[in-house]
Amino acid sequence: MTKPEADIKTSSRIGQGMTYIAWLIFLALLTFLFNNYLEQQNNPNQHIPIDHTATIAEVRLKQNRYGHYLANGLINQQTVTFLLDTGATLISIPEAIARKLHLKKGYPSQSRTANGSITVYATQLDSVSIGAIELHNIRASINPHMSGNEILLGMSFMKHLEITQKDNELRLKY
């Protein structure tokens, strides 16, 4: 093989390599954008605007594509994702998330769920906030049987709020 033929073969391999790299970058970017789109569809309330001039704290949430209200918020100043559940007596926190939040398990109690009775553990939250609404000393439970990344935002929080649902929007006022 002559030197020009070897140079052409080397250039061809480099060109193929660059094409593969370009395709990999394109697929990675496409995956990133699609994951963002799916996350936005699941939780359209990732960034709740806060009006610091209002005398009444109000939060407006949009339904996700499944008809649920998910929203990012804070427990003890740490970011979490809430799933609003008016059927839940307390805020219910999956045990894995409770560990990340450094919550202490209190006394055990029985809780009735759609899947039957389970044992949960009491805990007290220093602060819970969603948008401009922040409440303190809220009762919650740590649920070792619950998986996922969402925390059920139950009535121990929502009983303090005025709740209005119209069309695909939920308004919370405090």
N, C-alpha and C. Protein backbone atom coordinates (compact mmCIF):
# COMPACT_ATOMS: atom_id res chain seq x y z
N MET A 1 0.85 -1.17 0.00
CA MET A 1 0.00 0.00 0.00
C MET A 1 0.90 1.24 0.00
N THR A 2 0.57 2.15 -0.86
CA THR A 2 1.38 3.36 -0.97
C THR A 2 0.97 4.35 0.12
N LYS A 3 1.80 5.34 0.32
CA LYS A 3 1.53 6.33 1.36
C LYS A 3 0.23 7.08 1.11
N PRO A 4 -0.12 7.53 -0.11
CA PRO A 4 -1.40 8.20 -0.32
C PRO A 4 -2.59 7.29 -0.02
N GLU A 5 -2.47 5.99 -0.36
CA GLU A 5 -3.57 5.06 -0.06
C GLU A 5 -3.74 4.91 1.45
N ALA A 6 -2.65 4.84 2.20
CA ALA A 6 -2.70 4.73 3.66
C ALA A 6 -3.31 5.99 4.27
N ASP A 7 -2.96 7.16 3.73
CA ASP A 7 -3.52 8.42 4.22
C ASP A 7 -5.02 8.47 3.99
N ILE A 8 -5.46 7.99 2.82
CA ILE A 8 -6.89 7.98 2.51
C ILE A 8 -7.62 7.04 3.46
N LYS A 9 -7.04 5.86 3.73
CA LYS A 9 -7.67 4.89 4.62
C LYS A 9 -7.75 5.45 6.04
N THR A 10 -6.71 6.12 6.50
CA THR A 10 -6.69 6.73 7.84
C THR A 10 -7.74 7.84 7.91
N SER A 11 -7.79 8.67 6.88
CA SER A 11 -8.79 9.75 6.84
C SER A 11 -10.20 9.19 6.85
N SER A 12 -10.41 8.09 6.16
CA SER A 12 -11.73 7.46 6.12
C SER A 12 -12.14 6.96 7.50
N ARG A 13 -11.19 6.35 8.22
CA ARG A 13 -11.48 5.87 9.58
C ARG A 13 -11.77 7.03 10.53
N ILE A 14 -11.02 8.10 10.40
CA ILE A 14 -11.25 9.27 11.24
C ILE A 14 -12.63 9.85 10.94
N GLY A 15 -12.97 9.93 9.66
CA GLY A 15 -14.29 10.44 9.27
C GLY A 15 -15.41 9.57 9.82
N GLN A 16 -15.24 8.24 9.78
CA GLN A 16 -16.24 7.33 10.34
C GLN A 16 -16.36 7.54 11.85
N GLY A 17 -15.24 7.68 12.51
CA GLY A 17 -15.24 7.90 13.95
C GLY A 17 -15.96 9.19 14.32
N MET A 18 -15.69 10.23 13.55
CA MET A 18 -16.36 11.52 13.81
C MET A 18 -17.86 11.41 13.57
N THR A 19 -18.27 10.65 12.58
CA THR A 19 -19.69 10.44 12.31
C THR A 19 -20.35 9.71 13.49
N TYR A 20 -19.69 8.68 14.00
CA TYR A 20 -20.22 7.95 15.17
C TYR A 20 -20.35 8.87 16.37
N ILE A 21 -19.34 9.68 16.61
CA ILE A 21 -19.36 10.61 17.74
C ILE A 21 -20.50 11.62 17.57
N ALA A 22 -20.67 12.13 16.36
CA ALA A 22 -21.75 13.09 16.11
C ALA A 22 -23.11 12.44 16.38
N TRP A 23 -23.29 11.20 15.94
CA TRP A 23 -24.56 10.50 16.20
C TRP A 23 -24.78 10.26 17.69
N LEU A 24 -23.74 9.91 18.40
CA LEU A 24 -23.87 9.70 19.85
C LEU A 24 -24.26 10.99 20.56
N ILE A 25 -23.64 12.09 20.17
CA ILE A 25 -23.98 13.39 20.77
C ILE A 25 -25.43 13.75 20.45
N PHE A 26 -25.83 13.53 19.20
CA PHE A 26 -27.21 13.81 18.80
C PHE A 26 -28.20 12.97 19.61
N LEU A 27 -27.93 11.68 19.76
CA LEU A 27 -28.83 10.80 20.52
C LEU A 27 -28.88 11.19 22.00
N ALA A 28 -27.74 11.57 22.56
CA ALA A 28 -27.71 12.00 23.97
C ALA A 28 -28.53 13.27 24.15
N LEU A 29 -28.39 14.21 23.24
CA LEU A 29 -29.16 15.45 23.31
C LEU A 29 -30.65 15.18 23.15
N LEU A 30 -31.01 14.32 22.22
CA LEU A 30 -32.40 13.95 22.01
C LEU A 30 -32.98 13.28 23.27
N THR A 31 -32.22 12.39 23.89
CA THR A 31 -32.65 11.73 25.12
C THR A 31 -32.87 12.75 26.23
N PHE A 32 -31.94 13.69 26.38
CA PHE A 32 -32.06 14.73 27.40
C PHE A 32 -33.32 15.56 27.19
N LEU A 33 -33.54 16.00 25.95
CA LEU A 33 -34.72 16.82 25.66
C LEU A 33 -36.01 16.05 25.87
N PHE A 34 -36.04 14.79 25.47
CA PHE A 34 -37.25 13.98 25.64
C PHE A 34 -37.53 13.73 27.12
N ASN A 35 -36.48 13.48 27.92
CA ASN A 35 -36.68 13.28 29.36
C ASN A 35 -37.22 14.55 30.01
N ASN A 36 -36.71 15.72 29.59
CA ASN A 36 -37.24 16.98 30.11
C ASN A 36 -38.71 17.14 29.75
N TYR A 37 -39.07 16.79 28.52
CA TYR A 37 -40.46 16.88 28.07
C TYR A 37 -41.34 15.97 28.92
N LEU A 38 -40.91 14.73 29.15
CA LEU A 38 -41.71 13.79 29.95
C LEU A 38 -41.84 14.27 31.39
N GLU A 39 -40.77 14.81 31.95
CA GLU A 39 -40.81 15.33 33.33
C GLU A 39 -41.78 16.49 33.43
N GLN A 40 -41.79 17.35 32.42
CA GLN A 40 -42.71 18.49 32.41
C GLN A 40 -44.15 18.01 32.29
N GLN A 41 -44.39 16.93 31.54
CA GLN A 41 -45.73 16.37 31.41
C GLN A 41 -46.17 15.76 32.73
N ASN A 42 -45.25 15.12 33.46
CA ASN A 42 -45.58 14.50 34.74
C ASN A 42 -45.77 15.53 35.84
N ASN A 43 -44.92 16.56 35.86
CA ASN A 43 -45.00 17.59 36.90
C ASN A 43 -44.91 18.98 36.27
N PRO A 44 -46.06 19.53 35.85
CA PRO A 44 -46.04 20.85 35.23
C PRO A 44 -45.82 21.98 36.23
N ASN A 45 -45.70 21.66 37.51
CA ASN A 45 -45.55 22.67 38.57
C ASN A 45 -44.16 22.63 39.19
N GLN A 46 -43.14 22.48 38.36
CA GLN A 46 -41.78 22.40 38.88
C GLN A 46 -41.27 23.74 39.39
N HIS A 47 -41.74 24.82 38.80
CA HIS A 47 -41.30 26.16 39.20
C HIS A 47 -42.54 26.99 39.50
N ILE A 48 -42.89 27.07 40.78
CA ILE A 48 -44.08 27.81 41.20
C ILE A 48 -43.67 29.25 41.49
N PRO A 49 -44.28 30.22 40.79
CA PRO A 49 -43.93 31.62 41.06
C PRO A 49 -44.39 32.05 42.45
N ILE A 50 -43.59 32.88 43.08
CA ILE A 50 -43.90 33.38 44.42
C ILE A 50 -44.07 34.89 44.34
N ASP A 51 -45.24 35.37 44.78
CA ASP A 51 -45.52 36.81 44.81
C ASP A 51 -45.31 37.30 46.24
N HIS A 52 -44.21 38.00 46.47
CA HIS A 52 -43.87 38.46 47.82
C HIS A 52 -44.65 39.71 48.23
N THR A 53 -45.37 40.31 47.29
CA THR A 53 -46.13 41.52 47.62
C THR A 53 -47.56 41.21 48.06
N ALA A 54 -48.03 40.00 47.82
CA ALA A 54 -49.41 39.65 48.14
C ALA A 54 -49.59 39.49 49.65
N THR A 55 -50.77 39.88 50.14
CA THR A 55 -51.07 39.71 51.56
C THR A 55 -51.56 38.29 51.84
N ILE A 56 -52.08 37.63 50.82
CA ILE A 56 -52.53 36.25 50.94
C ILE A 56 -51.61 35.39 50.08
N ALA A 57 -51.06 34.35 50.67
CA ALA A 57 -50.21 33.44 49.90
C ALA A 57 -51.10 32.56 49.05
N GLU A 58 -50.86 32.55 47.76
CA GLU A 58 -51.66 31.75 46.84
C GLU A 58 -50.76 30.97 45.90
N VAL A 59 -51.13 29.73 45.65
CA VAL A 59 -50.41 28.88 44.72
C VAL A 59 -51.42 28.33 43.73
N ARG A 60 -51.07 28.39 42.45
CA ARG A 60 -51.91 27.83 41.39
C ARG A 60 -51.16 26.66 40.77
N LEU A 61 -51.82 25.52 40.77
CA LEU A 61 -51.21 24.31 40.22
C LEU A 61 -51.98 23.82 39.01
N LYS A 62 -51.26 23.32 38.03
CA LYS A 62 -51.87 22.73 36.85
C LYS A 62 -51.87 21.22 36.99
N GLN A 63 -52.92 20.58 36.46
CA GLN A 63 -52.97 19.12 36.45
C GLN A 63 -51.91 18.59 35.51
N ASN A 64 -51.38 17.41 35.86
CA ASN A 64 -50.50 16.77 34.91
C ASN A 64 -51.34 15.97 33.92
N ARG A 65 -50.74 15.31 33.01
CA ARG A 65 -51.46 14.60 31.95
C ARG A 65 -52.32 13.46 32.47
N TYR A 66 -52.09 13.03 33.72
CA TYR A 66 -52.87 11.96 34.32
C TYR A 66 -53.99 12.48 35.21
N GLY A 67 -54.12 13.81 35.31
CA GLY A 67 -55.16 14.41 36.13
C GLY A 67 -54.75 14.64 37.58
N HIS A 68 -53.47 14.43 37.90
CA HIS A 68 -52.98 14.62 39.27
C HIS A 68 -52.32 15.98 39.40
N TYR A 69 -52.19 16.42 40.64
CA TYR A 69 -51.49 17.67 40.93
C TYR A 69 -50.18 17.33 41.62
N LEU A 70 -49.09 17.50 40.90
CA LEU A 70 -47.75 17.34 41.45
C LEU A 70 -47.12 18.71 41.50
N ALA A 71 -46.28 18.93 42.50
CA ALA A 71 -45.59 20.21 42.62
C ALA A 71 -44.31 20.03 43.42
N ASN A 72 -43.30 20.76 43.04
CA ASN A 72 -42.08 20.78 43.83
C ASN A 72 -42.31 21.68 45.04
N GLY A 73 -41.70 21.31 46.13
CA GLY A 73 -41.81 22.08 47.36
C GLY A 73 -40.63 21.80 48.26
N LEU A 74 -40.78 22.15 49.52
CA LEU A 74 -39.70 21.96 50.49
C LEU A 74 -40.22 21.31 51.76
N ILE A 75 -39.44 20.41 52.30
CA ILE A 75 -39.65 19.89 53.66
C ILE A 75 -38.36 20.19 54.41
N ASN A 76 -38.48 20.93 55.49
CA ASN A 76 -37.32 21.34 56.29
C ASN A 76 -36.23 21.93 55.38
N GLN A 77 -36.65 22.78 54.44
CA GLN A 77 -35.77 23.51 53.52
C GLN A 77 -35.03 22.60 52.52
N GLN A 78 -35.53 21.38 52.32
CA GLN A 78 -34.94 20.47 51.33
C GLN A 78 -35.97 20.20 50.24
N THR A 79 -35.55 20.24 48.99
CA THR A 79 -36.45 20.10 47.85
C THR A 79 -37.02 18.69 47.74
N VAL A 80 -38.35 18.65 47.55
CA VAL A 80 -39.07 17.39 47.37
C VAL A 80 -40.15 17.59 46.31
N THR A 81 -40.75 16.49 45.88
CA THR A 81 -41.89 16.55 44.96
C THR A 81 -43.11 16.03 45.69
N PHE A 82 -44.18 16.83 45.70
CA PHE A 82 -45.42 16.46 46.35
C PHE A 82 -46.44 15.98 45.33
N LEU A 83 -47.24 15.02 45.74
CA LEU A 83 -48.45 14.61 45.02
C LEU A 83 -49.59 14.94 45.96
N LEU A 84 -50.43 15.91 45.59
CA LEU A 84 -51.52 16.33 46.47
C LEU A 84 -52.55 15.22 46.58
N ASP A 85 -52.91 14.89 47.82
CA ASP A 85 -53.82 13.77 48.07
C ASP A 85 -54.76 14.15 49.21
N THR A 86 -55.96 14.62 48.86
CA THR A 86 -56.94 15.01 49.88
C THR A 86 -57.49 13.79 50.62
N GLY A 87 -57.23 12.60 50.12
CA GLY A 87 -57.67 11.38 50.79
C GLY A 87 -56.70 10.90 51.86
N ALA A 88 -55.53 11.51 51.92
CA ALA A 88 -54.52 11.14 52.92
C ALA A 88 -54.68 12.02 54.15
N THR A 89 -54.76 11.42 55.31
CA THR A 89 -54.91 12.18 56.55
C THR A 89 -53.65 12.99 56.84
N LEU A 90 -52.50 12.37 56.67
CA LEU A 90 -51.21 13.02 56.97
C LEU A 90 -50.37 13.12 55.71
N ILE A 91 -49.31 13.88 55.79
CA ILE A 91 -48.29 13.84 54.75
C ILE A 91 -47.63 12.47 54.89
N SER A 92 -47.52 11.74 53.79
CA SER A 92 -46.94 10.40 53.82
C SER A 92 -45.65 10.39 53.02
N ILE A 93 -44.57 10.04 53.70
CA ILE A 93 -43.24 10.13 53.12
C ILE A 93 -42.65 8.73 52.97
N PRO A 94 -42.24 8.36 51.75
CA PRO A 94 -41.56 7.07 51.58
C PRO A 94 -40.31 7.02 52.47
N GLU A 95 -40.07 5.85 53.03
CA GLU A 95 -38.96 5.71 53.98
C GLU A 95 -37.61 6.13 53.37
N ALA A 96 -37.37 5.81 52.11
CA ALA A 96 -36.09 6.18 51.48
C ALA A 96 -35.93 7.70 51.44
N ILE A 97 -36.99 8.42 51.17
CA ILE A 97 -36.91 9.88 51.15
C ILE A 97 -36.76 10.41 52.57
N ALA A 98 -37.45 9.80 53.54
CA ALA A 98 -37.34 10.22 54.94
C ALA A 98 -35.89 10.11 55.42
N ARG A 99 -35.19 9.06 54.99
CA ARG A 99 -33.77 8.92 55.35
C ARG A 99 -32.95 10.07 54.77
N LYS A 100 -33.21 10.42 53.50
CA LYS A 100 -32.47 11.53 52.87
C LYS A 100 -32.75 12.85 53.56
N LEU A 101 -33.97 13.00 54.08
CA LEU A 101 -34.35 14.23 54.79
C LEU A 101 -33.92 14.21 56.25
N HIS A 102 -33.35 13.10 56.70
CA HIS A 102 -32.90 12.91 58.08
C HIS A 102 -34.06 13.03 59.08
N LEU A 103 -35.20 12.45 58.73
CA LEU A 103 -36.35 12.47 59.63
C LEU A 103 -36.27 11.32 60.61
N LYS A 104 -36.72 11.58 61.81
CA LYS A 104 -36.70 10.55 62.86
C LYS A 104 -38.02 9.81 62.88
N LYS A 105 -37.94 8.48 62.99
CA LYS A 105 -39.14 7.66 63.12
C LYS A 105 -39.65 7.78 64.55
N GLY A 106 -40.93 8.08 64.66
CA GLY A 106 -41.56 8.13 65.98
C GLY A 106 -42.30 6.84 66.26
N TYR A 107 -43.38 6.96 66.99
CA TYR A 107 -44.15 5.78 67.37
C TYR A 107 -44.81 5.14 66.15
N PRO A 108 -44.91 3.80 66.15
CA PRO A 108 -45.58 3.13 65.04
C PRO A 108 -47.10 3.19 65.21
N SER A 109 -47.80 3.19 64.09
CA SER A 109 -49.26 3.13 64.12
C SER A 109 -49.74 2.41 62.87
N GLN A 110 -51.00 2.01 62.90
CA GLN A 110 -51.60 1.34 61.75
C GLN A 110 -52.27 2.39 60.86
N SER A 111 -52.12 2.21 59.57
CA SER A 111 -52.74 3.10 58.61
C SER A 111 -53.46 2.25 57.57
N ARG A 112 -54.67 2.68 57.21
CA ARG A 112 -55.41 1.95 56.18
C ARG A 112 -55.14 2.57 54.83
N THR A 113 -54.77 1.73 53.89
CA THR A 113 -54.51 2.18 52.52
C THR A 113 -55.40 1.37 51.58
N ALA A 114 -55.32 1.69 50.32
CA ALA A 114 -56.08 0.94 49.31
C ALA A 114 -55.64 -0.52 49.27
N ASN A 115 -54.42 -0.79 49.71
CA ASN A 115 -53.90 -2.16 49.71
C ASN A 115 -54.01 -2.84 51.07
N GLY A 116 -54.74 -2.26 52.00
CA GLY A 116 -54.91 -2.86 53.32
C GLY A 116 -54.20 -2.07 54.40
N SER A 117 -54.15 -2.63 55.61
CA SER A 117 -53.52 -1.97 56.75
C SER A 117 -52.00 -2.17 56.72
N ILE A 118 -51.29 -1.11 57.06
CA ILE A 118 -49.83 -1.16 57.12
C ILE A 118 -49.36 -0.42 58.37
N THR A 119 -48.13 -0.66 58.75
CA THR A 119 -47.52 0.07 59.86
C THR A 119 -46.71 1.24 59.31
N VAL A 120 -46.99 2.44 59.85
CA VAL A 120 -46.24 3.64 59.50
C VAL A 120 -45.68 4.23 60.78
N TYR A 121 -44.80 5.20 60.66
CA TYR A 121 -44.15 5.79 61.83
C TYR A 121 -44.37 7.29 61.84
N ALA A 122 -44.78 7.80 62.98
CA ALA A 122 -45.05 9.24 63.12
C ALA A 122 -43.74 10.03 63.03
N THR A 123 -43.87 11.23 62.49
CA THR A 123 -42.75 12.17 62.49
C THR A 123 -43.32 13.58 62.48
N GLN A 124 -42.53 14.54 62.86
CA GLN A 124 -42.93 15.94 62.89
C GLN A 124 -42.03 16.72 61.95
N LEU A 125 -42.62 17.53 61.07
CA LEU A 125 -41.85 18.31 60.12
C LEU A 125 -41.75 19.75 60.61
N ASP A 126 -40.56 20.27 60.67
CA ASP A 126 -40.36 21.64 61.13
C ASP A 126 -41.05 22.63 60.19
N SER A 127 -40.88 22.41 58.87
CA SER A 127 -41.52 23.30 57.90
C SER A 127 -41.85 22.53 56.63
N VAL A 128 -42.97 22.93 56.04
CA VAL A 128 -43.42 22.39 54.76
C VAL A 128 -43.85 23.58 53.93
N SER A 129 -43.33 23.66 52.71
CA SER A 129 -43.74 24.78 51.86
C SER A 129 -43.94 24.33 50.43
N ILE A 130 -44.88 25.02 49.83
CA ILE A 130 -45.17 24.84 48.41
C ILE A 130 -45.42 26.25 47.88
N GLY A 131 -44.56 26.71 46.98
CA GLY A 131 -44.67 28.09 46.51
C GLY A 131 -44.54 29.06 47.68
N ALA A 132 -45.46 30.03 47.75
CA ALA A 132 -45.43 31.06 48.79
C ALA A 132 -46.02 30.58 50.12
N ILE A 133 -46.59 29.39 50.15
CA ILE A 133 -47.24 28.88 51.36
C ILE A 133 -46.23 28.07 52.18
N GLU A 134 -46.01 28.48 53.41
CA GLU A 134 -45.11 27.76 54.30
C GLU A 134 -45.80 27.58 55.66
N LEU A 135 -45.85 26.33 56.10
CA LEU A 135 -46.44 26.01 57.41
C LEU A 135 -45.38 25.33 58.27
N HIS A 136 -45.57 25.43 59.59
CA HIS A 136 -44.58 24.89 60.52
C HIS A 136 -45.23 23.87 61.45
N ASN A 137 -44.38 22.95 61.94
CA ASN A 137 -44.81 21.91 62.89
C ASN A 137 -45.99 21.10 62.36
N ILE A 138 -45.76 20.44 61.25
CA ILE A 138 -46.79 19.65 60.58
C ILE A 138 -46.54 18.17 60.84
N ARG A 139 -47.62 17.49 61.21
CA ARG A 139 -47.54 16.04 61.43
C ARG A 139 -47.42 15.31 60.10
N ALA A 140 -46.66 14.21 60.12
CA ALA A 140 -46.48 13.40 58.92
C ALA A 140 -46.24 11.96 59.35
N SER A 141 -46.19 11.08 58.36
CA SER A 141 -45.85 9.69 58.65
C SER A 141 -44.78 9.22 57.67
N ILE A 142 -43.95 8.35 58.16
CA ILE A 142 -42.93 7.70 57.34
C ILE A 142 -43.48 6.34 56.97
N ASN A 143 -43.57 6.09 55.66
CA ASN A 143 -44.19 4.87 55.16
C ASN A 143 -43.13 3.95 54.56
N PRO A 144 -42.77 2.86 55.26
CA PRO A 144 -41.74 1.95 54.73
C PRO A 144 -42.24 1.11 53.54
N HIS A 145 -43.54 1.11 53.29
CA HIS A 145 -44.10 0.31 52.21
C HIS A 145 -44.27 1.11 50.92
N MET A 146 -43.99 2.37 50.97
CA MET A 146 -44.21 3.27 49.84
C MET A 146 -42.92 3.44 49.05
N SER A 147 -43.03 3.31 47.73
CA SER A 147 -41.86 3.53 46.88
C SER A 147 -42.11 4.76 46.02
N GLY A 148 -41.13 5.15 45.26
CA GLY A 148 -41.27 6.30 44.39
C GLY A 148 -40.62 7.53 44.97
N ASN A 149 -40.70 8.61 44.21
CA ASN A 149 -40.05 9.86 44.59
C ASN A 149 -41.02 10.94 45.03
N GLU A 150 -42.32 10.63 45.03
CA GLU A 150 -43.31 11.63 45.43
C GLU A 150 -43.74 11.43 46.88
N ILE A 151 -44.00 12.53 47.53
CA ILE A 151 -44.52 12.54 48.89
C ILE A 151 -45.98 12.91 48.80
N LEU A 152 -46.85 12.14 49.46
CA LEU A 152 -48.27 12.45 49.46
C LEU A 152 -48.50 13.64 50.38
N LEU A 153 -48.99 14.72 49.82
CA LEU A 153 -49.27 15.93 50.61
C LEU A 153 -50.71 15.82 51.08
N GLY A 154 -50.88 15.32 52.30
CA GLY A 154 -52.20 15.04 52.84
C GLY A 154 -52.80 16.21 53.60
N MET A 155 -53.90 15.90 54.29
CA MET A 155 -54.70 16.92 54.95
C MET A 155 -54.04 17.55 56.18
N SER A 156 -53.00 16.94 56.74
CA SER A 156 -52.32 17.60 57.86
C SER A 156 -51.71 18.93 57.41
N PHE A 157 -51.47 19.07 56.12
CA PHE A 157 -51.01 20.34 55.54
C PHE A 157 -52.18 21.11 54.93
N MET A 158 -52.97 20.42 54.10
CA MET A 158 -53.99 21.11 53.31
C MET A 158 -55.19 21.58 54.12
N LYS A 159 -55.41 21.06 55.33
CA LYS A 159 -56.55 21.51 56.13
C LYS A 159 -56.41 22.98 56.54
N HIS A 160 -55.22 23.52 56.44
CA HIS A 160 -54.98 24.92 56.79
C HIS A 160 -55.25 25.87 55.62
N LEU A 161 -55.58 25.32 54.46
CA LEU A 161 -55.68 26.11 53.24
C LEU A 161 -57.10 26.18 52.72
N GLU A 162 -57.36 27.19 51.93
CA GLU A 162 -58.59 27.25 51.14
C GLU A 162 -58.24 26.62 49.80
N ILE A 163 -59.02 25.61 49.41
CA ILE A 163 -58.72 24.84 48.19
C ILE A 163 -59.85 25.02 47.20
N THR A 164 -59.51 25.43 45.97
CA THR A 164 -60.51 25.61 44.92
C THR A 164 -59.99 24.95 43.65
N GLN A 165 -60.84 24.10 43.07
CA GLN A 165 -60.47 23.48 41.80
C GLN A 165 -61.44 23.94 40.72
N LYS A 166 -60.90 24.38 39.60
CA LYS A 166 -61.72 24.79 38.47
C LYS A 166 -60.95 24.44 37.20
N ASP A 167 -61.66 23.78 36.29
CA ASP A 167 -61.04 23.31 35.05
C ASP A 167 -59.84 22.42 35.40
N ASN A 168 -58.67 22.74 34.89
CA ASN A 168 -57.48 21.94 35.16
C ASN A 168 -56.52 22.63 36.11
N GLU A 169 -57.07 23.48 36.98
CA GLU A 169 -56.24 24.25 37.89
C GLU A 169 -56.73 24.11 39.33
N LEU A 170 -55.78 23.98 40.24
CA LEU A 170 -56.07 23.93 41.66
C LEU A 170 -55.44 25.16 42.32
N ARG A 171 -56.26 25.89 43.07
CA ARG A 171 -55.75 27.07 43.78
C ARG A 171 -55.70 26.76 45.27
N LEU A 172 -54.57 27.05 45.85
CA LEU A 172 -54.36 26.90 47.29
C LEU A 172 -54.11 28.30 47.84
N LYS A 173 -54.87 28.67 48.88
CA LYS A 173 -54.67 29.97 49.52
C LYS A 173 -54.45 29.78 51.00
N TYR A 174 -53.59 30.64 51.55
CA TYR A 174 -53.33 30.63 52.98
C TYR A 174 -53.35 32.04 53.50
